[in-house]
Amino acid sequence: MAKRENTKGKIARTAWKLFHEKGYENTTIDDIISESGTSKGSFYHYYSGKDELLSSLSSIFDEKYEEILQTLDPEMDSYEKLLYLCMEVHGMIEKEIPIDLLAFMYASQVTKKGDKHLVDQNRFYYKIVNQLVDEGQRRGQITRDMPFYEIAQLYVIAERALVYEYCISDGQESLLEQTRKMMPLLFGSVRVCPGK
């Protein structure tokens, strides 16, 4: 099972790398197969075509969250972990995801058609956000004035708002810099200051 997931992930990561380097329109399925070192059969086992790869972006985000989480000190303040995860993923988005494809993917989530993969509550992203908020509340680092799931929702809304703004402003400002400035303002009210 892990091999299949790795192959699927490898195809998606390679596709997004090529989309970034060559552009979506100039990247062919044969390019993706060749660069990923997989087969045509493997590609079509997981994806019906290039368009379906657009929905794989949420999986790439989740892989990044998992990767970052493994590097964090377990004793790190839970609120700080959440901000760090957000900044790392937003930095990756800015460097690796073409803004036009990011905007297209976000727009596809607003329409009534298709898979709502970004809001799938079974994603690793939602599980880790809920877990870190719960951990922060238990440690006294995040307020208990609201249930953990409402605080987790606030975090998700703030994070999405920053990406949305980045898309509609066509990347005029750095997503990472905006996240550094704005996320503490948007999400900071839930933090319990040390000594309180």
Protein backbone atom coordinates (compact mmCIF):
# COMPACT_ATOMS: atom_id res chain seq x y z
CA MET A 1 0.00 0.00 0.00
CA ALA A 2 2.79 2.46 0.90
CA LYS A 3 4.45 1.82 -2.49
CA ARG A 4 1.23 2.75 -4.29
CA GLU A 5 0.86 5.93 -2.22
CA ASN A 6 4.51 6.80 -2.89
CA THR A 7 4.03 6.35 -6.64
CA LYS A 8 0.90 8.50 -6.61
CA GLY A 9 2.67 11.17 -4.56
CA LYS A 10 5.75 11.01 -6.78
CA ILE A 11 3.64 11.59 -9.89
CA ALA A 12 1.84 14.53 -8.25
CA ARG A 13 5.04 16.15 -6.93
CA THR A 14 6.73 15.74 -10.32
CA ALA A 15 3.72 17.21 -12.12
CA TRP A 16 3.67 20.28 -9.89
CA LYS A 17 7.42 20.74 -10.28
CA LEU A 18 7.00 20.65 -14.08
CA PHE A 19 3.94 22.94 -13.94
CA HIS A 20 6.13 25.42 -12.08
CA GLU A 21 9.09 25.10 -14.45
CA LYS A 22 7.31 24.78 -17.82
CA GLY A 23 3.80 25.99 -17.13
CA TYR A 24 0.66 23.89 -16.99
CA GLU A 25 -0.14 24.12 -20.69
CA ASN A 26 3.41 23.21 -21.77
CA THR A 27 3.68 20.17 -19.50
CA THR A 28 2.58 16.91 -21.11
CA ILE A 29 1.59 13.66 -19.47
CA ASP A 30 4.62 12.08 -21.15
CA ASP A 31 6.83 14.73 -19.47
CA ILE A 32 5.37 13.82 -16.08
CA ILE A 33 5.80 10.08 -16.66
CA SER A 34 9.38 10.47 -17.86
CA GLU A 35 10.46 12.86 -15.11
CA SER A 36 8.79 10.82 -12.33
CA GLY A 37 10.31 7.55 -13.56
CA THR A 38 6.91 5.87 -13.55
CA SER A 39 4.88 4.20 -16.27
CA LYS A 40 1.88 5.27 -18.33
CA GLY A 41 -0.09 2.50 -16.63
CA SER A 42 0.80 3.90 -13.18
CA PHE A 43 -0.14 7.41 -14.24
CA TYR A 44 -3.56 6.37 -15.52
CA HIS A 45 -4.12 4.10 -12.53
CA TYR A 46 -4.11 7.20 -10.29
CA TYR A 47 -5.11 10.05 -12.59
CA SER A 48 -7.52 10.24 -15.52
CA GLY A 49 -5.52 13.11 -17.00
CA LYS A 50 -3.54 16.24 -16.34
CA ASP A 51 -6.56 18.19 -15.06
CA GLU A 52 -7.10 15.72 -12.24
CA LEU A 53 -3.63 16.54 -10.94
CA LEU A 54 -4.91 19.99 -9.97
CA SER A 55 -6.81 18.38 -7.10
CA SER A 56 -3.64 16.63 -5.91
CA LEU A 57 -2.31 19.88 -4.48
CA SER A 58 -4.01 19.29 -1.13
CA SER A 59 -2.09 15.98 -0.87
CA ILE A 60 1.17 17.80 -1.54
CA PHE A 61 0.30 20.29 1.21
CA ASP A 62 -0.45 17.42 3.60
CA GLU A 63 2.86 15.73 2.79
CA LYS A 64 4.62 19.00 3.59
CA TYR A 65 2.75 19.30 6.91
CA GLU A 66 3.78 15.74 7.81
CA GLU A 67 7.40 16.43 6.86
CA ILE A 68 7.55 19.63 8.94
CA LEU A 69 5.81 18.05 11.91
CA GLN A 70 8.50 15.38 12.15
CA THR A 71 11.17 18.07 12.57
CA LEU A 72 9.44 19.99 15.38
CA ASP A 73 10.56 19.76 19.00
CA PRO A 74 7.66 18.06 20.83
CA GLU A 75 8.14 20.53 23.70
CA MET A 76 7.73 23.56 21.44
CA ASP A 77 4.79 25.81 22.35
CA SER A 78 1.70 24.53 20.47
CA TYR A 79 0.68 28.00 19.29
CA GLU A 80 4.20 28.48 17.89
CA LYS A 81 3.97 25.09 16.16
CA LEU A 82 0.82 26.19 14.37
CA LEU A 83 2.40 29.46 13.21
CA TYR A 84 5.56 27.65 12.13
CA LEU A 85 3.59 25.08 10.09
CA CYS A 86 1.65 27.87 8.39
CA MET A 87 4.78 29.84 7.51
CA GLU A 88 6.63 26.79 6.20
CA VAL A 89 3.78 25.70 3.95
CA HIS A 90 3.12 29.25 2.73
CA GLY A 91 6.83 29.56 1.93
CA MET A 92 6.64 26.33 -0.06
CA ILE A 93 3.53 27.57 -1.87
CA GLU A 94 5.24 30.80 -2.86
CA LYS A 95 8.36 29.03 -4.14
CA GLU A 96 6.86 25.96 -5.80
CA ILE A 97 3.23 26.52 -6.82
CA PRO A 98 2.46 28.73 -9.82
CA ILE A 99 0.01 31.38 -8.66
CA ASP A 100 -2.35 30.88 -11.60
CA LEU A 101 -2.72 27.18 -10.78
CA LEU A 102 -3.15 27.94 -7.08
CA ALA A 103 -5.89 30.45 -7.91
CA PHE A 104 -7.54 27.97 -10.28
CA MET A 105 -7.50 25.27 -7.58
CA TYR A 106 -9.04 27.64 -5.01
CA ALA A 107 -11.67 28.76 -7.52
CA SER A 108 -12.57 25.14 -8.23
CA GLN A 109 -13.39 24.68 -4.55
CA VAL A 110 -15.97 27.48 -4.68
CA THR A 111 -17.93 26.02 -7.59
CA LYS A 112 -20.62 23.43 -7.04
CA LYS A 113 -18.90 20.90 -9.31
CA GLY A 114 -16.13 18.48 -8.48
CA ASP A 115 -14.34 17.18 -5.47
CA LYS A 116 -14.01 19.52 -2.47
CA HIS A 117 -10.60 18.09 -1.58
CA LEU A 118 -9.40 21.18 0.30
CA VAL A 119 -12.21 20.94 2.84
CA ASP A 120 -12.07 17.16 3.30
CA GLN A 121 -12.00 16.82 7.09
CA ASN A 122 -10.15 13.50 6.75
CA ARG A 123 -7.06 15.28 5.43
CA PHE A 124 -3.92 15.14 7.58
CA TYR A 125 -4.05 18.95 7.70
CA TYR A 126 -7.32 19.06 9.67
CA LYS A 127 -6.22 16.26 11.97
CA ILE A 128 -2.94 17.97 12.87
CA VAL A 129 -4.52 21.41 13.35
CA ASN A 130 -7.14 19.92 15.69
CA GLN A 131 -4.46 17.93 17.51
CA LEU A 132 -2.18 20.95 18.01
CA VAL A 133 -5.02 23.18 19.23
CA ASP A 134 -6.12 20.47 21.67
CA GLU A 135 -2.51 20.01 22.82
CA GLY A 136 -2.16 23.79 23.30
CA GLN A 137 -5.31 23.94 25.38
CA ARG A 138 -4.16 21.06 27.58
CA ARG A 139 -0.77 22.75 28.07
CA GLY A 140 -2.38 26.12 28.86
CA GLN A 141 -0.83 27.76 25.75
CA ILE A 142 -4.10 28.26 23.85
CA THR A 143 -7.27 29.67 25.41
CA ARG A 144 -10.00 27.39 26.69
CA ASP A 145 -12.60 30.13 26.22
CA MET A 146 -13.64 28.43 22.97
CA PRO A 147 -13.90 24.74 22.06
CA PHE A 148 -10.81 23.38 20.28
CA TYR A 149 -12.72 22.82 17.04
CA GLU A 150 -13.77 26.49 16.84
CA ILE A 151 -10.18 27.61 17.39
CA ALA A 152 -9.01 25.12 14.75
CA GLN A 153 -11.61 26.58 12.37
CA LEU A 154 -10.33 30.10 13.10
CA TYR A 155 -6.81 28.96 12.22
CA VAL A 156 -7.98 27.39 8.94
CA ILE A 157 -9.96 30.51 7.99
CA ALA A 158 -6.99 32.79 8.72
CA GLU A 159 -4.61 30.60 6.75
CA ARG A 160 -6.99 30.37 3.79
CA ALA A 161 -7.62 34.11 3.84
CA LEU A 162 -3.91 34.79 3.42
CA VAL A 163 -3.63 32.41 0.45
CA TYR A 164 -6.80 33.82 -1.08
CA GLU A 165 -5.48 37.38 -0.77
CA TYR A 166 -2.18 36.28 -2.32
CA CYS A 167 -4.11 34.83 -5.28
CA ILE A 168 -6.45 37.77 -5.90
CA SER A 169 -3.60 40.28 -5.61
CA ASP A 170 -1.66 38.16 -8.13
CA GLY A 171 1.24 37.71 -5.73
CA GLN A 172 2.06 41.40 -5.51
CA GLU A 173 3.28 40.83 -1.95
CA SER A 174 5.21 37.86 -0.65
CA LEU A 175 2.87 35.23 0.82
CA LEU A 176 5.48 34.29 3.41
CA GLU A 177 6.02 37.91 4.50
CA GLN A 178 2.27 38.55 4.68
CA THR A 179 1.86 35.37 6.73
CA ARG A 180 4.64 36.45 9.10
CA LYS A 181 2.94 39.80 9.66
CA MET A 182 -0.73 38.85 9.55
CA MET A 183 -1.11 35.38 11.05
CA PRO A 184 -0.24 36.53 14.60
CA LEU A 185 -2.82 39.32 14.21
CA LEU A 186 -5.51 37.02 12.80
CA PHE A 187 -4.89 34.11 15.15
CA GLY A 188 -3.05 35.69 18.10
CA SER A 189 -6.14 36.25 20.25
CA VAL A 190 -6.22 32.54 21.13
CA ARG A 191 -2.73 32.53 22.61
CA VAL A 192 -2.35 32.40 26.36
CA CYS A 193 0.62 34.53 27.32
CA PRO A 194 3.15 32.81 29.58
CA GLY A 195 2.62 33.63 33.24
CA LYS A 196 -1.15 34.12 32.93
